[in-house]
C-alpha cells in the first residue's frame, strides 16, 4: 500500500503539538500577568470622590491621627467613615468659606451624608477585621501605604489573596510594636529579623492560612 502522508508530516505534527502547547502556556501566562496588573486590581488608581480629600495635607502636614476620623478601627472589623460633623469640627473655623468645601457644608447643613467611594473594597466573600490586625501589630502603612504622602487616596497594594498570604505565612516579617501601628514612615528600632519573632511570640500571632480564616 502506498504511503498516504509524506515523511515530513511526522515533523509537522510534532511542531504543531509543540506550538499548541506553547500557545496554551502563553495564554495562561498572559492571563496570570493580566490578573496581577493594576488594570485588574486597580492598584495605584486614584478614585474620584465627592470631595477630593487630601491625606497628605491632613495626615502629613497637620499630623492628624488616623483614629480621629477612623474611630472604630481598633474595635471593629470596619475602620469607619467619619461623619460630616467630624470635618466640621475644624472646618467651621478653618477655610469656613472655601468653595471647595461647599459639599461638606451642604452635607452638614442638610443632614445628608457624603457618598464616599471605598478605595479598599474587598469582595463580599472575603472577611477582614481591622481590629484583630491592629491588635496583632499590623500597621496601617503595611496595607494602605504612605497615606501621609497621598494628595488623593489610592489603593497601594493588589489586595489579592497571594498578597495577603505573604504576611499570613510569615507575619514576623511585617509586624511592628503596637505603639507604632499608626506611625507613618515606620522604621524598626532593631533589625526586623530580631524584632519580628519576638513580637510574634509576645502578641500570640499565628500563621493562619486555612481557607476559613478569611472565607466564612
N, C-alpha and C. Protein backbone atom coordinates (compact mmCIF):
# COMPACT_ATOMS: atom_id res chain seq x y z
N UNK A 1 0.85 -1.19 0.00
CA UNK A 1 0.00 0.00 0.00
C UNK A 1 0.89 1.25 0.00
N UNK A 2 0.64 2.19 -0.89
CA UNK A 2 1.49 3.40 -0.95
C UNK A 2 1.32 4.25 0.30
N UNK A 3 2.38 4.97 0.66
CA UNK A 3 2.35 5.84 1.84
C UNK A 3 1.44 7.04 1.58
N UNK A 4 0.48 7.26 2.51
CA UNK A 4 -0.51 8.32 2.34
C UNK A 4 0.11 9.68 2.64
N UNK A 5 0.83 9.79 3.76
CA UNK A 5 1.40 11.07 4.16
C UNK A 5 2.89 11.11 3.85
N UNK A 6 3.36 12.28 3.53
CA UNK A 6 4.79 12.48 3.29
C UNK A 6 5.52 12.35 4.62
N UNK A 7 6.77 11.96 4.55
CA UNK A 7 7.55 11.79 5.78
C UNK A 7 7.64 13.06 6.62
N UNK A 8 7.56 14.19 5.98
CA UNK A 8 7.63 15.47 6.71
C UNK A 8 6.41 15.69 7.61
N UNK A 9 5.34 14.91 7.39
CA UNK A 9 4.13 15.05 8.20
C UNK A 9 4.41 14.75 9.67
N UNK A 10 5.33 13.82 9.92
CA UNK A 10 5.69 13.50 11.31
C UNK A 10 6.29 14.72 12.01
N UNK A 11 7.21 15.37 11.32
CA UNK A 11 7.83 16.57 11.87
C UNK A 11 6.80 17.68 12.05
N UNK A 12 5.93 17.82 11.05
CA UNK A 12 4.90 18.85 11.13
C UNK A 12 3.96 18.61 12.30
N UNK A 13 3.62 17.35 12.54
CA UNK A 13 2.73 17.02 13.66
C UNK A 13 3.38 17.37 15.00
N UNK A 14 4.67 17.04 15.12
CA UNK A 14 5.38 17.34 16.37
C UNK A 14 5.48 18.85 16.60
N UNK A 15 5.79 19.56 15.50
CA UNK A 15 5.89 21.02 15.62
C UNK A 15 4.54 21.63 15.98
N UNK A 16 3.46 21.09 15.39
CA UNK A 16 2.12 21.59 15.67
C UNK A 16 1.74 21.39 17.14
N UNK A 17 2.06 20.19 17.66
CA UNK A 17 1.76 19.90 19.05
C UNK A 17 2.54 20.83 19.97
N UNK A 18 3.83 21.00 19.66
CA UNK A 18 4.65 21.90 20.47
C UNK A 18 4.13 23.33 20.40
N UNK A 19 3.70 23.75 19.19
CA UNK A 19 3.16 25.10 19.03
C UNK A 19 1.89 25.31 19.83
N UNK A 20 1.00 24.30 19.83
CA UNK A 20 -0.24 24.40 20.60
C UNK A 20 0.07 24.50 22.09
N UNK A 21 1.01 23.69 22.58
CA UNK A 21 1.38 23.73 24.00
C UNK A 21 1.99 25.08 24.37
N UNK A 22 2.86 25.60 23.49
CA UNK A 22 3.46 26.90 23.76
C UNK A 22 2.41 28.00 23.76
N UNK A 23 1.47 27.92 22.82
CA UNK A 23 0.41 28.91 22.75
C UNK A 23 -0.47 28.86 24.00
N UNK A 24 -0.81 27.64 24.43
CA UNK A 24 -1.63 27.48 25.63
C UNK A 24 -0.90 28.03 26.85
N UNK A 25 0.42 27.71 26.93
CA UNK A 25 1.20 28.23 28.05
C UNK A 25 1.30 29.75 28.02
N UNK A 26 1.43 30.30 26.81
CA UNK A 26 1.49 31.76 26.68
C UNK A 26 0.20 32.43 27.10
N UNK A 27 -0.92 31.82 26.71
CA UNK A 27 -2.23 32.38 27.07
C UNK A 27 -2.42 32.34 28.58
N UNK A 28 -2.06 31.20 29.19
CA UNK A 28 -2.17 31.08 30.65
C UNK A 28 -1.28 32.10 31.34
N UNK A 29 -0.04 32.25 30.85
CA UNK A 29 0.87 33.23 31.43
C UNK A 29 0.35 34.65 31.29
N UNK A 30 -0.23 34.95 30.12
CA UNK A 30 -0.79 36.28 29.90
C UNK A 30 -1.94 36.56 30.85
N UNK A 31 -2.78 35.55 31.06
CA UNK A 31 -3.90 35.71 31.99
C UNK A 31 -3.40 35.96 33.41
N UNK A 32 -2.34 35.24 33.81
CA UNK A 32 -1.78 35.42 35.15
C UNK A 32 -1.18 36.81 35.31
N UNK A 33 -0.47 37.28 34.28
CA UNK A 33 0.12 38.61 34.34
C UNK A 33 -0.97 39.67 34.38
N UNK A 34 -1.99 39.50 33.54
CA UNK A 34 -3.10 40.46 33.49
C UNK A 34 -3.84 40.49 34.82
N UNK A 35 -4.02 39.30 35.43
CA UNK A 35 -4.72 39.24 36.70
C UNK A 35 -4.01 39.95 37.83
N UNK A 36 -2.69 40.10 37.71
CA UNK A 36 -1.90 40.80 38.72
C UNK A 36 -1.65 42.27 38.36
N UNK A 37 -2.10 42.67 37.21
CA UNK A 37 -1.84 44.04 36.76
C UNK A 37 -2.77 45.03 37.45
N UNK A 38 -2.37 46.29 37.45
CA UNK A 38 -3.20 47.33 38.06
C UNK A 38 -4.51 47.53 37.31
N UNK A 39 -4.56 47.08 36.05
CA UNK A 39 -5.80 47.17 35.27
C UNK A 39 -6.91 46.36 35.93
N UNK A 40 -6.53 45.22 36.51
CA UNK A 40 -7.50 44.35 37.18
C UNK A 40 -7.62 44.70 38.66
N UNK A 41 -6.48 44.87 39.34
CA UNK A 41 -6.50 45.11 40.78
C UNK A 41 -6.86 46.54 41.15
N UNK A 42 -6.70 47.46 40.18
CA UNK A 42 -6.96 48.89 40.40
C UNK A 42 -5.98 49.52 41.39
N UNK A 43 -4.84 48.86 41.59
CA UNK A 43 -3.80 49.43 42.44
C UNK A 43 -3.22 50.67 41.79
N UNK A 44 -2.91 51.66 42.62
CA UNK A 44 -2.32 52.94 42.19
C UNK A 44 -3.27 53.77 41.33
N UNK A 45 -4.54 53.46 41.39
CA UNK A 45 -5.54 54.20 40.60
C UNK A 45 -6.30 55.16 41.52
N UNK A 46 -6.26 56.44 41.20
CA UNK A 46 -6.99 57.41 42.00
C UNK A 46 -8.50 57.23 41.80
N UNK A 47 -9.23 57.28 42.91
CA UNK A 47 -10.67 57.09 42.87
C UNK A 47 -11.36 58.44 42.98
N UNK A 48 -12.25 58.74 42.06
CA UNK A 48 -12.98 60.00 42.09
C UNK A 48 -13.93 60.01 43.29
N UNK A 49 -13.86 61.05 44.08
CA UNK A 49 -14.67 61.18 45.29
C UNK A 49 -15.56 62.42 45.19
N UNK A 50 -16.61 62.48 46.01
CA UNK A 50 -17.45 63.68 46.00
C UNK A 50 -16.68 64.93 46.43
N UNK A 51 -15.60 64.69 47.18
CA UNK A 51 -14.71 65.77 47.61
C UNK A 51 -13.30 65.19 47.64
N UNK A 52 -12.38 65.84 46.97
CA UNK A 52 -11.04 65.28 46.88
C UNK A 52 -10.25 65.55 48.15
N UNK A 53 -10.49 64.69 49.13
CA UNK A 53 -9.85 64.80 50.44
C UNK A 53 -8.36 64.43 50.33
N UNK A 54 -7.51 65.24 50.90
CA UNK A 54 -6.06 65.01 50.83
C UNK A 54 -5.54 64.47 52.16
N UNK A 55 -5.14 63.20 52.16
CA UNK A 55 -4.49 62.65 53.33
C UNK A 55 -3.11 63.28 53.53
N UNK A 56 -2.46 63.64 52.43
CA UNK A 56 -1.13 64.26 52.54
C UNK A 56 -1.20 65.54 53.36
N UNK A 57 -2.28 66.30 53.18
CA UNK A 57 -2.44 67.55 53.93
C UNK A 57 -2.85 67.27 55.38
N UNK A 58 -3.90 66.47 55.56
CA UNK A 58 -4.45 66.27 56.89
C UNK A 58 -3.55 65.41 57.78
N UNK A 59 -2.94 64.37 57.19
CA UNK A 59 -2.08 63.48 57.98
C UNK A 59 -0.63 63.97 57.95
N UNK A 60 -0.12 64.23 56.73
CA UNK A 60 1.28 64.62 56.60
C UNK A 60 1.57 66.01 57.12
N UNK A 61 0.77 67.00 56.71
CA UNK A 61 1.03 68.38 57.10
C UNK A 61 0.50 68.71 58.49
N UNK A 62 -0.76 68.31 58.75
CA UNK A 62 -1.40 68.67 60.01
C UNK A 62 -1.18 67.66 61.13
N UNK A 63 -0.72 66.46 60.78
CA UNK A 63 -0.41 65.46 61.80
C UNK A 63 -1.63 64.86 62.47
N UNK A 64 -2.78 64.82 61.78
CA UNK A 64 -3.98 64.24 62.36
C UNK A 64 -3.85 62.72 62.41
N UNK A 65 -4.12 62.16 63.56
CA UNK A 65 -4.03 60.71 63.76
C UNK A 65 -5.15 60.00 63.00
N UNK A 66 -4.84 58.80 62.49
CA UNK A 66 -5.82 58.02 61.73
C UNK A 66 -7.13 57.84 62.50
N UNK A 67 -7.01 57.65 63.82
CA UNK A 67 -8.17 57.34 64.64
C UNK A 67 -9.12 58.51 64.84
N UNK A 68 -8.67 59.72 64.52
CA UNK A 68 -9.56 60.86 64.67
C UNK A 68 -10.74 60.74 63.70
N UNK A 69 -10.47 60.24 62.51
CA UNK A 69 -11.54 60.07 61.52
C UNK A 69 -12.06 58.63 61.50
N UNK A 70 -11.12 57.67 61.56
CA UNK A 70 -11.50 56.25 61.51
C UNK A 70 -11.62 55.73 62.94
N UNK A 71 -12.71 56.12 63.57
CA UNK A 71 -12.84 55.94 65.03
C UNK A 71 -13.00 54.49 65.47
N UNK A 72 -13.49 53.62 64.61
CA UNK A 72 -13.76 52.24 65.04
C UNK A 72 -12.69 51.26 64.61
N UNK A 73 -11.58 51.77 64.09
CA UNK A 73 -10.57 50.88 63.52
C UNK A 73 -9.96 49.93 64.55
N UNK A 74 -9.93 50.32 65.82
CA UNK A 74 -9.33 49.46 66.84
C UNK A 74 -10.32 48.50 67.47
N UNK A 75 -11.61 48.69 67.23
CA UNK A 75 -12.62 47.89 67.93
C UNK A 75 -13.59 47.17 67.00
N UNK A 76 -13.48 47.40 65.71
CA UNK A 76 -14.46 46.86 64.78
C UNK A 76 -13.77 46.30 63.54
N UNK A 77 -14.51 45.49 62.79
CA UNK A 77 -13.97 44.98 61.53
C UNK A 77 -13.85 46.10 60.50
N UNK A 78 -14.68 47.13 60.66
CA UNK A 78 -14.71 48.25 59.72
C UNK A 78 -14.02 49.45 60.34
N UNK A 79 -13.13 50.08 59.58
CA UNK A 79 -12.37 51.22 60.13
C UNK A 79 -13.25 52.42 60.41
N UNK A 80 -14.36 52.55 59.66
CA UNK A 80 -15.28 53.65 59.88
C UNK A 80 -15.04 54.81 58.94
N UNK A 81 -16.11 55.41 58.48
CA UNK A 81 -16.06 56.62 57.67
C UNK A 81 -16.53 57.78 58.54
N UNK A 82 -15.78 58.85 58.64
CA UNK A 82 -16.16 59.93 59.55
C UNK A 82 -17.44 60.62 59.11
N UNK A 83 -18.33 60.94 60.06
CA UNK A 83 -19.50 61.76 59.72
C UNK A 83 -19.07 63.18 59.39
N UNK A 84 -19.93 63.89 58.71
CA UNK A 84 -19.59 65.26 58.31
C UNK A 84 -19.27 66.14 59.51
N UNK A 85 -19.88 65.84 60.64
CA UNK A 85 -19.61 66.62 61.86
C UNK A 85 -18.13 66.59 62.22
N UNK A 86 -17.48 65.47 61.96
CA UNK A 86 -16.04 65.39 62.24
C UNK A 86 -15.27 66.40 61.41
N UNK A 87 -15.64 66.53 60.14
CA UNK A 87 -14.99 67.52 59.27
C UNK A 87 -15.25 68.94 59.78
N UNK A 88 -16.49 69.15 60.21
CA UNK A 88 -16.88 70.50 60.63
C UNK A 88 -16.30 70.90 61.96
N UNK A 89 -15.79 69.94 62.73
CA UNK A 89 -15.12 70.30 63.98
C UNK A 89 -13.99 71.29 63.71
N UNK A 90 -13.33 71.11 62.56
CA UNK A 90 -12.26 72.04 62.18
C UNK A 90 -12.76 73.08 61.18
N UNK A 91 -13.53 72.62 60.20
CA UNK A 91 -13.83 73.49 59.07
C UNK A 91 -15.01 74.44 59.30
N UNK A 92 -15.56 74.43 60.49
CA UNK A 92 -16.48 75.50 60.84
C UNK A 92 -15.69 76.78 61.15
N UNK A 93 -14.36 76.58 61.39
CA UNK A 93 -13.49 77.71 61.70
C UNK A 93 -12.41 77.90 60.63
N UNK A 94 -11.87 76.80 60.14
CA UNK A 94 -10.79 76.85 59.15
C UNK A 94 -11.34 76.68 57.74
N UNK A 95 -10.97 77.61 56.86
CA UNK A 95 -11.46 77.58 55.48
C UNK A 95 -12.98 77.47 55.43
N UNK A 96 -13.62 78.18 56.34
CA UNK A 96 -15.08 78.05 56.51
C UNK A 96 -15.87 78.50 55.28
N UNK A 97 -15.29 79.35 54.46
CA UNK A 97 -16.00 79.85 53.28
C UNK A 97 -15.36 79.37 51.97
N UNK A 98 -14.49 78.41 52.05
CA UNK A 98 -13.82 77.91 50.85
C UNK A 98 -14.82 77.22 49.91
N UNK A 99 -14.83 77.58 48.63
CA UNK A 99 -15.76 76.94 47.68
C UNK A 99 -15.58 75.43 47.59
N UNK A 100 -14.34 74.96 47.72
CA UNK A 100 -14.10 73.53 47.58
C UNK A 100 -14.75 72.73 48.70
N UNK A 101 -15.04 73.39 49.83
CA UNK A 101 -15.64 72.70 50.97
C UNK A 101 -17.16 72.86 51.02
N UNK A 102 -17.75 73.42 50.00
CA UNK A 102 -19.21 73.59 49.99
C UNK A 102 -19.94 72.25 50.10
N UNK A 103 -19.50 71.16 49.45
CA UNK A 103 -20.18 69.87 49.65
C UNK A 103 -20.21 69.44 51.12
N UNK A 104 -19.16 69.76 51.87
CA UNK A 104 -19.13 69.41 53.29
C UNK A 104 -20.13 70.26 54.06
N UNK A 105 -20.14 71.55 53.78
CA UNK A 105 -21.09 72.43 54.47
C UNK A 105 -22.53 72.07 54.12
N UNK A 106 -22.77 71.73 52.86
CA UNK A 106 -24.12 71.36 52.44
C UNK A 106 -24.55 70.06 53.11
N UNK A 107 -23.62 69.12 53.23
CA UNK A 107 -23.92 67.85 53.90
C UNK A 107 -24.30 68.08 55.35
N UNK A 108 -23.56 68.95 56.02
CA UNK A 108 -23.84 69.23 57.43
C UNK A 108 -25.13 70.04 57.58
N UNK A 109 -25.32 70.99 56.68
CA UNK A 109 -26.49 71.86 56.74
C UNK A 109 -27.78 71.09 56.45
N UNK A 110 -27.72 70.18 55.49
CA UNK A 110 -28.93 69.44 55.07
C UNK A 110 -29.06 68.10 55.77
N UNK A 111 -28.11 67.78 56.63
CA UNK A 111 -28.11 66.50 57.35
C UNK A 111 -28.17 65.31 56.38
N UNK A 112 -27.35 65.37 55.35
CA UNK A 112 -27.23 64.28 54.38
C UNK A 112 -25.78 63.83 54.32
N UNK A 113 -25.59 62.56 54.09
CA UNK A 113 -24.23 62.01 54.09
C UNK A 113 -23.52 62.28 52.77
N UNK A 114 -22.23 62.47 52.88
CA UNK A 114 -21.39 62.49 51.69
C UNK A 114 -21.18 61.05 51.23
N UNK A 115 -21.32 60.80 49.97
CA UNK A 115 -21.23 59.42 49.46
C UNK A 115 -19.80 59.13 49.01
N UNK A 116 -18.97 58.78 49.99
CA UNK A 116 -17.58 58.45 49.69
C UNK A 116 -17.52 57.10 48.98
N UNK A 117 -16.57 56.97 48.07
CA UNK A 117 -16.36 55.71 47.35
C UNK A 117 -15.24 54.95 48.03
N UNK A 118 -15.50 53.69 48.38
CA UNK A 118 -14.49 52.89 49.05
C UNK A 118 -13.31 52.63 48.12
N UNK A 119 -12.13 52.90 48.61
CA UNK A 119 -10.92 52.68 47.83
C UNK A 119 -10.45 51.24 48.00
N UNK A 120 -10.44 50.76 49.23
CA UNK A 120 -10.04 49.37 49.51
C UNK A 120 -11.31 48.55 49.69
N UNK A 121 -11.82 48.06 48.58
CA UNK A 121 -13.12 47.38 48.56
C UNK A 121 -12.92 45.90 48.28
N UNK A 122 -12.94 45.10 49.33
CA UNK A 122 -12.74 43.66 49.18
C UNK A 122 -14.02 42.99 48.67
N UNK A 123 -13.88 41.85 48.00
CA UNK A 123 -15.08 41.11 47.56
C UNK A 123 -15.93 40.69 48.74
N UNK A 124 -17.20 40.45 48.49
CA UNK A 124 -18.12 40.08 49.57
C UNK A 124 -17.78 38.74 50.20
N UNK A 125 -17.05 37.89 49.47
CA UNK A 125 -16.72 36.56 50.01
C UNK A 125 -15.46 36.58 50.88
N UNK A 126 -14.91 37.76 51.12
CA UNK A 126 -13.70 37.87 51.93
C UNK A 126 -14.04 38.55 53.26
N UNK A 127 -13.65 37.94 54.35
CA UNK A 127 -13.86 38.52 55.68
C UNK A 127 -12.55 39.15 56.15
N UNK A 128 -12.61 40.41 56.50
CA UNK A 128 -11.43 41.11 57.00
C UNK A 128 -11.83 41.91 58.22
N UNK A 129 -11.00 41.83 59.27
CA UNK A 129 -11.28 42.53 60.51
C UNK A 129 -10.11 43.45 60.84
N UNK A 130 -10.35 44.76 60.82
CA UNK A 130 -9.29 45.72 61.12
C UNK A 130 -8.78 45.55 62.55
N UNK A 131 -9.68 45.36 63.49
CA UNK A 131 -9.30 45.38 64.90
C UNK A 131 -8.29 44.29 65.25
N UNK A 132 -8.48 43.09 64.71
CA UNK A 132 -7.57 42.00 65.08
C UNK A 132 -6.19 42.23 64.46
N UNK A 133 -6.13 42.81 63.28
CA UNK A 133 -4.84 43.09 62.65
C UNK A 133 -4.07 44.15 63.45
N UNK A 134 -4.78 45.14 63.92
CA UNK A 134 -4.14 46.18 64.74
C UNK A 134 -3.68 45.60 66.07
N UNK A 135 -4.51 44.75 66.65
CA UNK A 135 -4.16 44.12 67.92
C UNK A 135 -2.90 43.26 67.78
N UNK A 136 -2.71 42.67 66.61
CA UNK A 136 -1.57 41.78 66.38
C UNK A 136 -0.35 42.51 65.83
N UNK A 137 -0.42 43.83 65.70
CA UNK A 137 0.78 44.57 65.33
C UNK A 137 0.97 44.85 63.85
N UNK A 138 -0.12 44.85 63.08
CA UNK A 138 -0.03 45.19 61.66
C UNK A 138 -0.34 46.67 61.50
N UNK A 139 0.61 47.44 61.03
CA UNK A 139 0.45 48.88 60.90
C UNK A 139 -0.42 49.27 59.73
N UNK A 140 -1.04 50.43 59.83
CA UNK A 140 -1.87 50.96 58.74
C UNK A 140 -1.06 51.04 57.45
N UNK A 141 0.17 51.50 57.58
CA UNK A 141 1.05 51.70 56.42
C UNK A 141 1.34 50.40 55.69
N UNK A 142 1.34 49.27 56.42
CA UNK A 142 1.66 47.99 55.82
C UNK A 142 0.70 47.65 54.70
N UNK A 143 -0.57 47.94 54.90
CA UNK A 143 -1.58 47.63 53.89
C UNK A 143 -1.93 48.83 53.02
N UNK A 144 -2.04 49.99 53.63
CA UNK A 144 -2.54 51.17 52.92
C UNK A 144 -1.45 52.04 52.31
N UNK A 145 -0.20 51.76 52.65
CA UNK A 145 0.88 52.57 52.10
C UNK A 145 1.04 53.89 52.85
N UNK A 146 1.87 54.76 52.31
CA UNK A 146 2.15 56.05 52.94
C UNK A 146 1.02 57.03 52.62
N UNK A 147 -0.08 56.88 53.34
CA UNK A 147 -1.24 57.76 53.10
C UNK A 147 -0.90 59.21 53.41
N UNK A 148 0.11 59.41 54.25
CA UNK A 148 0.51 60.78 54.57
C UNK A 148 1.19 61.48 53.40
N UNK A 149 1.44 60.75 52.33
CA UNK A 149 2.05 61.32 51.13
C UNK A 149 1.11 61.27 49.93
N UNK A 150 -0.17 60.95 50.18
CA UNK A 150 -1.14 60.81 49.10
C UNK A 150 -2.07 62.01 49.04
N UNK A 151 -1.88 62.91 48.08
CA UNK A 151 -2.82 64.03 47.94
C UNK A 151 -4.21 63.54 47.56
N UNK A 152 -4.27 62.45 46.81
CA UNK A 152 -5.52 61.76 46.52
C UNK A 152 -5.33 60.30 46.91
N UNK A 153 -6.34 59.72 47.52
CA UNK A 153 -6.20 58.36 48.04
C UNK A 153 -6.26 57.34 46.92
N UNK A 154 -5.37 56.35 47.01
CA UNK A 154 -5.42 55.24 46.07
C UNK A 154 -5.02 53.96 46.77
N UNK A 155 -5.33 52.84 46.15
CA UNK A 155 -5.02 51.53 46.69
C UNK A 155 -3.57 51.21 46.41
N UNK A 156 -2.78 51.05 47.47
CA UNK A 156 -1.34 50.85 47.32
C UNK A 156 -1.01 49.44 46.83
N UNK A 157 -1.72 48.45 47.34
CA UNK A 157 -1.40 47.05 47.04
C UNK A 157 -2.53 46.37 46.27
N UNK A 158 -2.25 45.18 45.77
CA UNK A 158 -3.22 44.49 44.91
C UNK A 158 -4.45 44.00 45.67
N UNK A 159 -4.30 43.69 46.96
CA UNK A 159 -5.36 43.11 47.80
C UNK A 159 -5.76 41.71 47.33
N UNK A 160 -4.95 41.10 46.49
CA UNK A 160 -5.23 39.74 46.07
C UNK A 160 -4.82 38.76 47.16
N UNK A 161 -5.35 37.54 47.07
CA UNK A 161 -5.12 36.57 48.13
C UNK A 161 -3.64 36.27 48.32
N UNK A 162 -2.89 36.17 47.23
CA UNK A 162 -1.46 35.87 47.37
C UNK A 162 -0.73 36.97 48.13
N UNK A 163 -1.21 38.22 47.99
CA UNK A 163 -0.60 39.33 48.72
C UNK A 163 -0.89 39.18 50.21
N UNK A 164 -2.12 38.84 50.57
CA UNK A 164 -2.48 38.63 51.98
C UNK A 164 -1.67 37.47 52.57
N UNK A 165 -1.54 36.39 51.80
CA UNK A 165 -0.84 35.21 52.29
C UNK A 165 0.64 35.46 52.53
N UNK A 166 1.21 36.43 51.85
CA UNK A 166 2.61 36.77 52.08
C UNK A 166 2.85 37.11 53.55
N UNK A 167 1.91 37.85 54.13
CA UNK A 167 2.01 38.23 55.54
C UNK A 167 1.54 37.09 56.44
N UNK A 168 0.46 36.42 56.05
CA UNK A 168 -0.08 35.36 56.90
C UNK A 168 0.92 34.20 57.04
N UNK A 169 1.71 33.97 56.02
CA UNK A 169 2.68 32.87 56.09
C UNK A 169 3.93 33.24 56.87
N UNK A 170 4.27 34.52 56.89
CA UNK A 170 5.49 34.96 57.58
C UNK A 170 5.22 36.29 58.29
N UNK A 171 4.35 36.29 59.30
CA UNK A 171 3.99 37.56 59.97
C UNK A 171 5.17 38.25 60.63
N UNK A 172 6.20 37.49 60.98
CA UNK A 172 7.35 38.09 61.66
C UNK A 172 8.07 39.11 60.77
N UNK A 173 7.84 39.05 59.48
CA UNK A 173 8.49 40.00 58.57
C UNK A 173 7.79 41.35 58.53
N UNK A 174 6.55 41.42 59.07
CA UNK A 174 5.76 42.62 58.87
C UNK A 174 5.27 43.28 60.15
N UNK A 175 5.17 42.54 61.25
CA UNK A 175 4.58 43.11 62.46
C UNK A 175 5.49 44.17 63.07
N UNK A 176 4.86 45.06 63.82
CA UNK A 176 5.58 46.14 64.49
C UNK A 176 5.01 46.32 65.89
N UNK A 177 5.66 47.06 66.77
CA UNK A 177 5.10 47.30 68.11
C UNK A 177 3.75 48.01 68.01
N UNK A 178 2.84 47.69 68.91
CA UNK A 178 1.51 48.31 68.89
C UNK A 178 1.59 49.82 69.02
N UNK A 179 2.60 50.30 69.68
CA UNK A 179 2.75 51.75 69.85
C UNK A 179 3.05 52.46 68.54
N UNK A 180 3.44 51.71 67.51
CA UNK A 180 3.78 52.30 66.21
C UNK A 180 2.81 51.92 65.11
N UNK A 181 1.65 51.39 65.48
CA UNK A 181 0.68 50.95 64.48
C UNK A 181 0.30 52.09 63.54
N UNK A 182 0.12 53.28 64.08
CA UNK A 182 -0.36 54.41 63.29
C UNK A 182 0.77 55.33 62.84
N UNK A 183 2.00 54.89 63.01
CA UNK A 183 3.16 55.68 62.61
C UNK A 183 3.41 55.54 61.12
N UNK A 184 3.49 56.66 60.42
CA UNK A 184 3.84 56.64 59.01
C UNK A 184 5.36 56.74 58.87
N UNK A 185 5.91 56.03 57.90
CA UNK A 185 7.36 56.02 57.73
C UNK A 185 8.07 55.27 58.83
N UNK A 186 7.41 54.25 59.37
CA UNK A 186 7.97 53.48 60.47
C UNK A 186 9.26 52.77 60.07
N UNK A 187 10.23 52.80 60.98
CA UNK A 187 11.46 52.04 60.83
C UNK A 187 11.68 51.27 62.13
N UNK A 188 11.90 49.97 62.04
CA UNK A 188 12.07 49.18 63.28
C UNK A 188 13.27 49.65 64.08
N UNK A 189 13.15 49.72 65.40
CA UNK A 189 14.25 50.19 66.25
C UNK A 189 15.44 49.24 66.25
N UNK A 190 15.16 47.96 65.97
CA UNK A 190 16.22 46.95 65.82
C UNK A 190 15.90 46.18 64.55
N UNK A 191 16.82 45.40 64.02
CA UNK A 191 16.55 44.66 62.79
C UNK A 191 15.25 43.85 62.89
N UNK A 192 14.46 43.86 61.80
CA UNK A 192 13.16 43.18 61.81
C UNK A 192 13.29 41.69 62.08
N UNK A 193 14.38 41.08 61.61
CA UNK A 193 14.57 39.64 61.85
C UNK A 193 14.78 39.32 63.32
N UNK A 194 15.13 40.33 64.10
CA UNK A 194 15.24 40.16 65.55
C UNK A 194 13.94 40.55 66.25
N UNK A 195 13.33 41.66 65.80
CA UNK A 195 12.12 42.16 66.44
C UNK A 195 10.90 41.32 66.11
N UNK A 196 10.77 40.93 64.84
CA UNK A 196 9.57 40.23 64.38
C UNK A 196 9.25 38.97 65.16
N UNK A 197 10.16 38.00 65.26
CA UNK A 197 9.87 36.78 66.01
C UNK A 197 9.49 37.05 67.47
N UNK A 198 10.13 38.08 68.07
CA UNK A 198 9.81 38.42 69.46
C UNK A 198 8.37 38.92 69.59
N UNK A 199 7.94 39.75 68.64
CA UNK A 199 6.57 40.27 68.68
C UNK A 199 5.55 39.18 68.36
N UNK A 200 5.90 38.29 67.46
CA UNK A 200 5.01 37.17 67.14
C UNK A 200 4.71 36.35 68.38
N UNK A 201 5.74 36.10 69.18
CA UNK A 201 5.57 35.34 70.42
C UNK A 201 4.81 36.16 71.46
N UNK A 202 5.16 37.44 71.59
CA UNK A 202 4.54 38.30 72.61
C UNK A 202 3.06 38.54 72.32
N UNK A 203 2.70 38.73 71.06
CA UNK A 203 1.32 39.03 70.70
C UNK A 203 0.50 37.77 70.40
N UNK A 204 1.12 36.60 70.48
CA UNK A 204 0.39 35.36 70.22
C UNK A 204 -0.09 35.25 68.79
N UNK A 205 0.75 35.65 67.85
CA UNK A 205 0.37 35.65 66.43
C UNK A 205 0.54 34.25 65.85
N UNK A 206 -0.49 33.80 65.15
CA UNK A 206 -0.44 32.51 64.48
C UNK A 206 -0.33 32.71 62.97
N UNK A 207 0.31 31.76 62.31
CA UNK A 207 0.39 31.79 60.85
C UNK A 207 -0.86 31.11 60.30
N UNK A 208 -1.92 31.91 60.13
CA UNK A 208 -3.22 31.37 59.71
C UNK A 208 -3.35 31.41 58.20
N UNK A 209 -3.41 30.23 57.59
CA UNK A 209 -3.54 30.16 56.14
C UNK A 209 -4.69 29.25 55.69
N UNK A 210 -5.51 28.82 56.63
CA UNK A 210 -6.64 27.97 56.25
C UNK A 210 -7.71 28.83 55.56
N UNK A 211 -8.47 28.21 54.69
CA UNK A 211 -9.48 28.94 53.90
C UNK A 211 -10.49 29.66 54.79
N UNK A 212 -10.89 28.99 55.89
CA UNK A 212 -11.93 29.55 56.75
C UNK A 212 -11.49 30.79 57.52
N UNK A 213 -10.18 31.08 57.52
CA UNK A 213 -9.70 32.29 58.19
C UNK A 213 -10.30 33.52 57.55
N UNK A 214 -10.36 33.54 56.25
CA UNK A 214 -10.86 34.72 55.51
C UNK A 214 -12.14 34.48 54.75
N UNK A 215 -12.44 33.22 54.45
CA UNK A 215 -13.66 32.89 53.70
C UNK A 215 -14.61 32.14 54.61
N UNK A 216 -15.68 32.84 55.06
CA UNK A 216 -16.58 32.26 56.06
C UNK A 216 -18.01 32.17 55.54
